[in-house]
Amino acid sequence: VHAWAYPLAGGPPVFLGATAYGGARPDVAAVHGDQFTNTSFGLVVQGLAHGNYDLALFAWSTDAADFVPASVVRVTVR
C-alpha cells in the first residue's frame, strides 16, 4: 500500500511512503479464515506540515499487477 497526502489548500501531493505489511489481525482471521491472520498494514508519518489533506491509500493488486483505485480519507494535521 502506498500512501499519499493531497493538500486541500493546493500544491503537489506528498508521498508518505510504502506501508509495512504482515501484522497480525486475528479479528479478520476469525471472520475470513486463518490465511488472513497476518494481513494488516501500517505506516508512521513524520514531518507532514500542519493542514488539511486527503489521505489516499493505493493498494497493489497481484491479480492486476497494478495499483487499484485509492481509498481516501480526509485528515487534519495539527
PDB file of N, CA and C in Angstrom:
ATOM      1  N   VAL A   1       0.856  -1.177   0.000  1.00  0.00           N
ATOM      2  CA  VAL A   1       0.000   0.000   0.000  1.00  0.00           C
ATOM      3  C   VAL A   1       0.896   1.233   0.000  1.00  0.00           C
ATOM      4  N   HIS A   2       0.678   2.117  -0.948  1.00  0.00           N
ATOM      5  CA  HIS A   2       1.390   3.389  -0.997  1.00  0.00           C
ATOM      6  C   HIS A   2       0.460   4.484  -0.483  1.00  0.00           C
ATOM      7  N   ALA A   3       1.001   5.366   0.361  1.00  0.00           N
ATOM      8  CA  ALA A   3       0.212   6.427   0.979  1.00  0.00           C
ATOM      9  C   ALA A   3       0.650   7.782   0.440  1.00  0.00           C
ATOM     10  N   TRP A   4      -0.320   8.593   0.061  1.00  0.00           N
ATOM     11  CA  TRP A   4      -0.097   9.947  -0.447  1.00  0.00           C
ATOM     12  C   TRP A   4      -0.994  10.917   0.312  1.00  0.00           C
ATOM     13  N   ALA A   5      -0.488  12.127   0.567  1.00  0.00           N
ATOM     14  CA  ALA A   5      -1.277  13.192   1.190  1.00  0.00           C
ATOM     15  C   ALA A   5      -1.469  14.298   0.152  1.00  0.00           C
ATOM     16  N   TYR A   6      -2.728  14.602  -0.159  1.00  0.00           N
ATOM     17  CA  TYR A   6      -3.072  15.654  -1.117  1.00  0.00           C
ATOM     18  C   TYR A   6      -3.531  16.881  -0.335  1.00  0.00           C
ATOM     19  N   PRO A   7      -2.741  17.979  -0.334  1.00  0.00           N
ATOM     20  CA  PRO A   7      -3.117  19.169   0.432  1.00  0.00           C
ATOM     21  C   PRO A   7      -4.392  19.808  -0.112  1.00  0.00           C
ATOM     22  N   LEU A   8      -5.354  20.064   0.772  1.00  0.00           N
ATOM     23  CA  LEU A   8      -6.595  20.696   0.337  1.00  0.00           C
ATOM     24  C   LEU A   8      -6.373  22.148  -0.058  1.00  0.00           C
ATOM     25  N   ALA A   9      -5.312  22.778   0.458  1.00  0.00           N
ATOM     26  CA  ALA A   9      -5.003  24.169   0.125  1.00  0.00           C
ATOM     27  C   ALA A   9      -4.331  24.289  -1.238  1.00  0.00           C
ATOM     28  N   GLY A  10      -4.041  23.172  -1.872  1.00  0.00           N
ATOM     29  CA  GLY A  10      -3.360  23.185  -3.157  1.00  0.00           C
ATOM     30  C   GLY A  10      -1.914  22.773  -3.017  1.00  0.00           C
ATOM     31  N   GLY A  11      -1.280  22.586  -4.133  1.00  0.00           N
ATOM     32  CA  GLY A  11       0.106  22.142  -4.137  1.00  0.00           C
ATOM     33  C   GLY A  11       0.198  20.679  -4.502  1.00  0.00           C
ATOM     34  N   PRO A  12       1.413  20.223  -4.729  1.00  0.00           N
ATOM     35  CA  PRO A  12       1.606  18.838  -5.160  1.00  0.00           C
ATOM     36  C   PRO A  12       1.340  17.849  -4.021  1.00  0.00           C
ATOM     37  N   PRO A  13       0.925  16.634  -4.363  1.00  0.00           N
ATOM     38  CA  PRO A  13       0.758  15.614  -3.333  1.00  0.00           C
ATOM     39  C   PRO A  13       2.107  15.239  -2.728  1.00  0.00           C
ATOM     40  N   VAL A  14       2.053  14.731  -1.498  1.00  0.00           N
ATOM     41  CA  VAL A  14       3.254  14.337  -0.765  1.00  0.00           C
ATOM     42  C   VAL A  14       3.240  12.817  -0.616  1.00  0.00           C
ATOM     43  N   PHE A  15       4.288  12.156  -1.121  1.00  0.00           N
ATOM     44  CA  PHE A  15       4.394  10.709  -0.939  1.00  0.00           C
ATOM     45  C   PHE A  15       4.810  10.437   0.503  1.00  0.00           C
ATOM     46  N   LEU A  16       3.975   9.714   1.237  1.00  0.00           N
ATOM     47  CA  LEU A  16       4.249   9.433   2.647  1.00  0.00           C
ATOM     48  C   LEU A  16       5.043   8.157   2.832  1.00  0.00           C
ATOM     49  N   GLY A  17       4.963   7.246   1.879  1.00  0.00           N
ATOM     50  CA  GLY A  17       5.734   6.027   1.963  1.00  0.00           C
ATOM     51  C   GLY A  17       4.928   4.798   1.606  1.00  0.00           C
ATOM     52  N   ALA A  18       5.630   3.684   1.590  1.00  0.00           N
ATOM     53  CA  ALA A  18       5.013   2.379   1.392  1.00  0.00           C
ATOM     54  C   ALA A  18       4.819   1.760   2.771  1.00  0.00           C
ATOM     55  N   THR A  19       3.669   1.203   3.001  1.00  0.00           N
ATOM     56  CA  THR A  19       3.347   0.668   4.317  1.00  0.00           C
ATOM     57  C   THR A  19       4.054  -0.661   4.564  1.00  0.00           C
ATOM     58  N   ALA A  20       4.254  -0.952   5.843  1.00  0.00           N
ATOM     59  CA  ALA A  20       4.725  -2.281   6.252  1.00  0.00           C
ATOM     60  C   ALA A  20       3.513  -3.213   6.227  1.00  0.00           C
ATOM     61  N   TYR A  21       3.717  -4.418   5.753  1.00  0.00           N
ATOM     62  CA  TYR A  21       2.618  -5.372   5.610  1.00  0.00           C
ATOM     63  C   TYR A  21       2.919  -6.642   6.396  1.00  0.00           C
ATOM     64  N   GLY A  22       1.876  -7.257   6.936  1.00  0.00           N
ATOM     65  CA  GLY A  22       2.030  -8.569   7.544  1.00  0.00           C
ATOM     66  C   GLY A  22       1.764  -8.640   9.029  1.00  0.00           C
ATOM     67  N   GLY A  23       1.253  -7.560   9.623  1.00  0.00           N
ATOM     68  CA  GLY A  23       0.922  -7.588  11.048  1.00  0.00           C
ATOM     69  C   GLY A  23      -0.291  -8.458  11.324  1.00  0.00           C
ATOM     70  N   ALA A  24      -0.394  -8.932  12.549  1.00  0.00           N
ATOM     71  CA  ALA A  24      -1.467  -9.852  12.937  1.00  0.00           C
ATOM     72  C   ALA A  24      -2.821  -9.169  12.995  1.00  0.00           C
ATOM     73  N   ARG A  25      -3.845  -9.819  12.436  1.00  0.00           N
ATOM     74  CA  ARG A  25      -5.234  -9.393  12.515  1.00  0.00           C
ATOM     75  C   ARG A  25      -6.104 -10.612  12.837  1.00  0.00           C
ATOM     76  N   PRO A  26      -6.072 -11.061  14.105  1.00  0.00           N
ATOM     77  CA  PRO A  26      -6.876 -12.228  14.455  1.00  0.00           C
ATOM     78  C   PRO A  26      -8.368 -11.994  14.274  1.00  0.00           C
ATOM     79  N   ASP A  27      -8.815 -10.732  14.380  1.00  0.00           N
ATOM     80  CA  ASP A  27     -10.231 -10.442  14.169  1.00  0.00           C
ATOM     81  C   ASP A  27     -10.642 -10.703  12.719  1.00  0.00           C
ATOM     82  N   VAL A  28      -9.786 -10.360  11.779  1.00  0.00           N
ATOM     83  CA  VAL A  28     -10.066 -10.622  10.364  1.00  0.00           C
ATOM     84  C   VAL A  28     -10.020 -12.120  10.101  1.00  0.00           C
ATOM     85  N   ALA A  29      -9.040 -12.804  10.689  1.00  0.00           N
ATOM     86  CA  ALA A  29      -8.931 -14.256  10.515  1.00  0.00           C
ATOM     87  C   ALA A  29     -10.151 -14.977  11.066  1.00  0.00           C
ATOM     88  N   ALA A  30     -10.709 -14.463  12.155  1.00  0.00           N
ATOM     89  CA  ALA A  30     -11.891 -15.098  12.748  1.00  0.00           C
ATOM     90  C   ALA A  30     -13.086 -15.063  11.797  1.00  0.00           C
ATOM     91  N   VAL A  31     -13.152 -14.043  10.967  1.00  0.00           N
ATOM     92  CA  VAL A  31     -14.266 -13.905  10.025  1.00  0.00           C
ATOM     93  C   VAL A  31     -13.970 -14.580   8.689  1.00  0.00           C
ATOM     94  N   HIS A  32     -12.727 -14.438   8.195  1.00  0.00           N
ATOM     95  CA  HIS A  32     -12.403 -14.854   6.830  1.00  0.00           C
ATOM     96  C   HIS A  32     -11.492 -16.071   6.724  1.00  0.00           C
ATOM     97  N   GLY A  33     -10.983 -16.572   7.844  1.00  0.00           N
ATOM     98  CA  GLY A  33     -10.128 -17.751   7.805  1.00  0.00           C
ATOM     99  C   GLY A  33      -8.692 -17.444   8.180  1.00  0.00           C
ATOM    100  N   ASP A  34      -7.985 -18.483   8.637  1.00  0.00           N
ATOM    101  CA  ASP A  34      -6.616 -18.340   9.138  1.00  0.00           C
ATOM    102  C   ASP A  34      -5.632 -17.767   8.121  1.00  0.00           C
ATOM    103  N   GLN A  35      -5.895 -17.947   6.822  1.00  0.00           N
ATOM    104  CA  GLN A  35      -4.982 -17.413   5.808  1.00  0.00           C
ATOM    105  C   GLN A  35      -4.938 -15.888   5.823  1.00  0.00           C
ATOM    106  N   PHE A  36      -5.874 -15.246   6.550  1.00  0.00           N
ATOM    107  CA  PHE A  36      -5.917 -13.782   6.635  1.00  0.00           C
ATOM    108  C   PHE A  36      -5.427 -13.254   7.980  1.00  0.00           C
ATOM    109  N   THR A  37      -4.741 -14.095   8.757  1.00  0.00           N
ATOM    110  CA  THR A  37      -4.262 -13.665  10.073  1.00  0.00           C
ATOM    111  C   THR A  37      -3.263 -12.518   9.966  1.00  0.00           C
ATOM    112  N   ASN A  38      -2.260 -12.627   9.138  1.00  0.00           N
ATOM    113  CA  ASN A  38      -1.191 -11.622   9.052  1.00  0.00           C
ATOM    114  C   ASN A  38      -1.391 -10.717   7.835  1.00  0.00           C
ATOM    115  N   THR A  39      -2.437  -9.886   7.901  1.00  0.00           N
ATOM    116  CA  THR A  39      -2.806  -9.075   6.740  1.00  0.00           C
ATOM    117  C   THR A  39      -2.900  -7.575   7.023  1.00  0.00           C
ATOM    118  N   SER A  40      -2.458  -7.125   8.188  1.00  0.00           N
ATOM    119  CA  SER A  40      -2.572  -5.685   8.461  1.00  0.00           C
ATOM    120  C   SER A  40      -1.410  -4.923   7.843  1.00  0.00           C
ATOM    121  N   PHE A  41      -1.586  -3.612   7.745  1.00  0.00           N
ATOM    122  CA  PHE A  41      -0.517  -2.755   7.247  1.00  0.00           C
ATOM    123  C   PHE A  41      -0.479  -1.493   8.094  1.00  0.00           C
ATOM    124  N   GLY A  42       0.669  -0.826   8.112  1.00  0.00           N
ATOM    125  CA  GLY A  42       0.798   0.394   8.903  1.00  0.00           C
ATOM    126  C   GLY A  42       1.964   1.241   8.416  1.00  0.00           C
ATOM    127  N   LEU A  43       1.925   2.520   8.788  1.00  0.00           N
ATOM    128  CA  LEU A  43       2.953   3.467   8.381  1.00  0.00           C
ATOM    129  C   LEU A  43       2.999   4.591   9.410  1.00  0.00           C
ATOM    130  N   VAL A  44       4.180   4.908   9.889  1.00  0.00           N
ATOM    131  CA  VAL A  44       4.376   6.057  10.776  1.00  0.00           C
ATOM    132  C   VAL A  44       4.783   7.232   9.894  1.00  0.00           C
ATOM    133  N   VAL A  45       4.024   8.329   9.992  1.00  0.00           N
ATOM    134  CA  VAL A  45       4.285   9.517   9.178  1.00  0.00           C
ATOM    135  C   VAL A  45       4.821  10.616  10.088  1.00  0.00           C
ATOM    136  N   GLN A  46       5.933  11.212   9.685  1.00  0.00           N
ATOM    137  CA  GLN A  46       6.521  12.319  10.430  1.00  0.00           C
ATOM    138  C   GLN A  46       6.846  13.455   9.471  1.00  0.00           C
ATOM    139  N   GLY A  47       6.724  14.686   9.971  1.00  0.00           N
ATOM    140  CA  GLY A  47       7.158  15.840   9.201  1.00  0.00           C
ATOM    141  C   GLY A  47       6.147  16.403   8.227  1.00  0.00           C
ATOM    142  N   LEU A  48       4.934  15.900   8.215  1.00  0.00           N
ATOM    143  CA  LEU A  48       3.908  16.453   7.330  1.00  0.00           C
ATOM    144  C   LEU A  48       3.437  17.781   7.908  1.00  0.00           C
ATOM    145  N   ALA A  49       3.455  18.831   7.103  1.00  0.00           N
ATOM    146  CA  ALA A  49       3.090  20.172   7.571  1.00  0.00           C
ATOM    147  C   ALA A  49       1.650  20.220   8.074  1.00  0.00           C
ATOM    148  N   HIS A  50       1.398  21.099   9.030  1.00  0.00           N
ATOM    149  CA  HIS A  50       0.040  21.293   9.537  1.00  0.00           C
ATOM    150  C   HIS A  50      -0.879  21.654   8.383  1.00  0.00           C
ATOM    151  N   GLY A  51      -2.094  21.169   8.454  1.00  0.00           N
ATOM    152  CA  GLY A  51      -3.077  21.489   7.425  1.00  0.00           C
ATOM    153  C   GLY A  51      -4.054  20.361   7.217  1.00  0.00           C
ATOM    154  N   ASN A  52      -4.905  20.540   6.224  1.00  0.00           N
ATOM    155  CA  ASN A  52      -5.926  19.558   5.869  1.00  0.00           C
ATOM    156  C   ASN A  52      -5.513  18.836   4.591  1.00  0.00           C
ATOM    157  N   TYR A  53      -5.716  17.533   4.595  1.00  0.00           N
ATOM    158  CA  TYR A  53      -5.280  16.701   3.477  1.00  0.00           C
ATOM    159  C   TYR A  53      -6.337  15.647   3.163  1.00  0.00           C
ATOM    160  N   ASP A  54      -6.341  15.223   1.913  1.00  0.00           N
ATOM    161  CA  ASP A  54      -6.988  13.973   1.557  1.00  0.00           C
ATOM    162  C   ASP A  54      -5.876  12.934   1.541  1.00  0.00           C
ATOM    163  N   LEU A  55      -5.984  11.956   2.412  1.00  0.00           N
ATOM    164  CA  LEU A  55      -5.010  10.877   2.513  1.00  0.00           C
ATOM    165  C   LEU A  55      -5.494   9.750   1.614  1.00  0.00           C
ATOM    166  N   ALA A  56      -4.689   9.420   0.611  1.00  0.00           N
ATOM    167  CA  ALA A  56      -5.060   8.401  -0.370  1.00  0.00           C
ATOM    168  C   ALA A  56      -4.154   7.189  -0.211  1.00  0.00           C
ATOM    169  N   LEU A  57      -4.766   6.021  -0.118  1.00  0.00           N
ATOM    170  CA  LEU A  57      -4.036   4.759   0.023  1.00  0.00           C
ATOM    171  C   LEU A  57      -4.286   3.912  -1.223  1.00  0.00           C
ATOM    172  N   PHE A  58      -3.191   3.588  -1.899  1.00  0.00           N
ATOM    173  CA  PHE A  58      -3.259   2.800  -3.128  1.00  0.00           C
ATOM    174  C   PHE A  58      -2.705   1.408  -2.846  1.00  0.00           C
ATOM    175  N   ALA A  59      -3.559   0.402  -2.948  1.00  0.00           N
ATOM    176  CA  ALA A  59      -3.131  -0.980  -2.723  1.00  0.00           C
ATOM    177  C   ALA A  59      -2.656  -1.603  -4.030  1.00  0.00           C
ATOM    178  N   TRP A  60      -1.633  -2.447  -3.933  1.00  0.00           N
ATOM    179  CA  TRP A  60      -1.127  -3.176  -5.085  1.00  0.00           C
ATOM    180  C   TRP A  60      -1.930  -4.461  -5.257  1.00  0.00           C
ATOM    181  N   SER A  61      -2.416  -4.702  -6.452  1.00  0.00           N
ATOM    182  CA  SER A  61      -3.152  -5.923  -6.765  1.00  0.00           C
ATOM    183  C   SER A  61      -2.226  -6.906  -7.465  1.00  0.00           C
ATOM    184  N   THR A  62      -2.030  -8.066  -6.850  1.00  0.00           N
ATOM    185  CA  THR A  62      -1.220  -9.090  -7.507  1.00  0.00           C
ATOM    186  C   THR A  62      -1.962  -9.673  -8.709  1.00  0.00           C
ATOM    187  N   ASP A  63      -3.291  -9.647  -8.688  1.00  0.00           N
ATOM    188  CA  ASP A  63      -4.067 -10.140  -9.834  1.00  0.00           C
ATOM    189  C   ASP A  63      -3.912  -9.232 -11.048  1.00  0.00           C
ATOM    190  N   ALA A  64      -4.006  -7.916 -10.830  1.00  0.00           N
ATOM    191  CA  ALA A  64      -3.924  -6.953 -11.931  1.00  0.00           C
ATOM    192  C   ALA A  64      -2.486  -6.518 -12.226  1.00  0.00           C
ATOM    193  N   ALA A  65      -1.555  -6.812 -11.301  1.00  0.00           N
ATOM    194  CA  ALA A  65      -0.170  -6.352 -11.407  1.00  0.00           C
ATOM    195  C   ALA A  65      -0.125  -4.830 -11.577  1.00  0.00           C
ATOM    196  N   ASP A  66      -0.955  -4.160 -10.773  1.00  0.00           N
ATOM    197  CA  ASP A  66      -1.058  -2.704 -10.824  1.00  0.00           C
ATOM    198  C   ASP A  66      -1.716  -2.222  -9.530  1.00  0.00           C
ATOM    199  N   PHE A  67      -1.642  -0.914  -9.306  1.00  0.00           N
ATOM    200  CA  PHE A  67      -2.333  -0.340  -8.154  1.00  0.00           C
ATOM    201  C   PHE A  67      -3.823  -0.214  -8.456  1.00  0.00           C
ATOM    202  N   VAL A  68      -4.637  -0.469  -7.458  1.00  0.00           N
ATOM    203  CA  VAL A  68      -6.084  -0.310  -7.603  1.00  0.00           C
ATOM    204  C   VAL A  68      -6.451   1.124  -7.221  1.00  0.00           C
ATOM    205  N   PRO A  69      -7.653   1.590  -7.594  1.00  0.00           N
ATOM    206  CA  PRO A  69      -8.053   2.947  -7.214  1.00  0.00           C
ATOM    207  C   PRO A  69      -7.946   3.154  -5.700  1.00  0.00           C
ATOM    208  N   ALA A  70      -7.609   4.363  -5.338  1.00  0.00           N
ATOM    209  CA  ALA A  70      -7.327   4.683  -3.935  1.00  0.00           C
ATOM    210  C   ALA A  70      -8.575   4.694  -3.071  1.00  0.00           C
ATOM    211  N   SER A  71      -8.352   4.380  -1.801  1.00  0.00           N
ATOM    212  CA  SER A  71      -9.313   4.676  -0.746  1.00  0.00           C
ATOM    213  C   SER A  71      -8.842   5.986  -0.128  1.00  0.00           C
ATOM    214  N   VAL A  72      -9.776   6.910   0.094  1.00  0.00           N
ATOM    215  CA  VAL A  72      -9.405   8.264   0.524  1.00  0.00           C
ATOM    216  C   VAL A  72     -10.136   8.618   1.806  1.00  0.00           C
ATOM    217  N   VAL A  73      -9.404   9.271   2.711  1.00  0.00           N
ATOM    218  CA  VAL A  73      -9.990   9.796   3.954  1.00  0.00           C
ATOM    219  C   VAL A  73      -9.418  11.195   4.171  1.00  0.00           C
ATOM    220  N   ARG A  74     -10.255  12.114   4.649  1.00  0.00           N
ATOM    221  CA  ARG A  74      -9.815  13.486   4.921  1.00  0.00           C
ATOM    222  C   ARG A  74      -9.240  13.540   6.343  1.00  0.00           C
ATOM    223  N   VAL A  75      -8.063  14.153   6.492  1.00  0.00           N
ATOM    224  CA  VAL A  75      -7.406  14.257   7.788  1.00  0.00           C
ATOM    225  C   VAL A  75      -6.943  15.686   8.022  1.00  0.00           C
ATOM    226  N   THR A  76      -6.772  16.031   9.305  1.00  0.00           N
ATOM    227  CA  THR A  76      -6.206  17.308   9.716  1.00  0.00           C
ATOM    228  C   THR A  76      -4.956  17.036  10.506  1.00  0.00           C
ATOM    229  N   VAL A  77      -3.850  17.648  10.101  1.00  0.00           N
ATOM    230  CA  VAL A  77      -2.578  17.533  10.820  1.00  0.00           C
ATOM    231  C   VAL A  77      -2.406  18.804  11.654  1.00  0.00           C
ATOM    232  N   ARG A  78      -2.216  18.634  12.954  1.00  0.00           N
ATOM    233  CA  ARG A  78      -2.065  19.785  13.856  1.00  0.00           C
ATOM    234  C   ARG A  78      -0.699  19.810  14.473  1.00  0.00           C
TER     235      ARG A  78
END
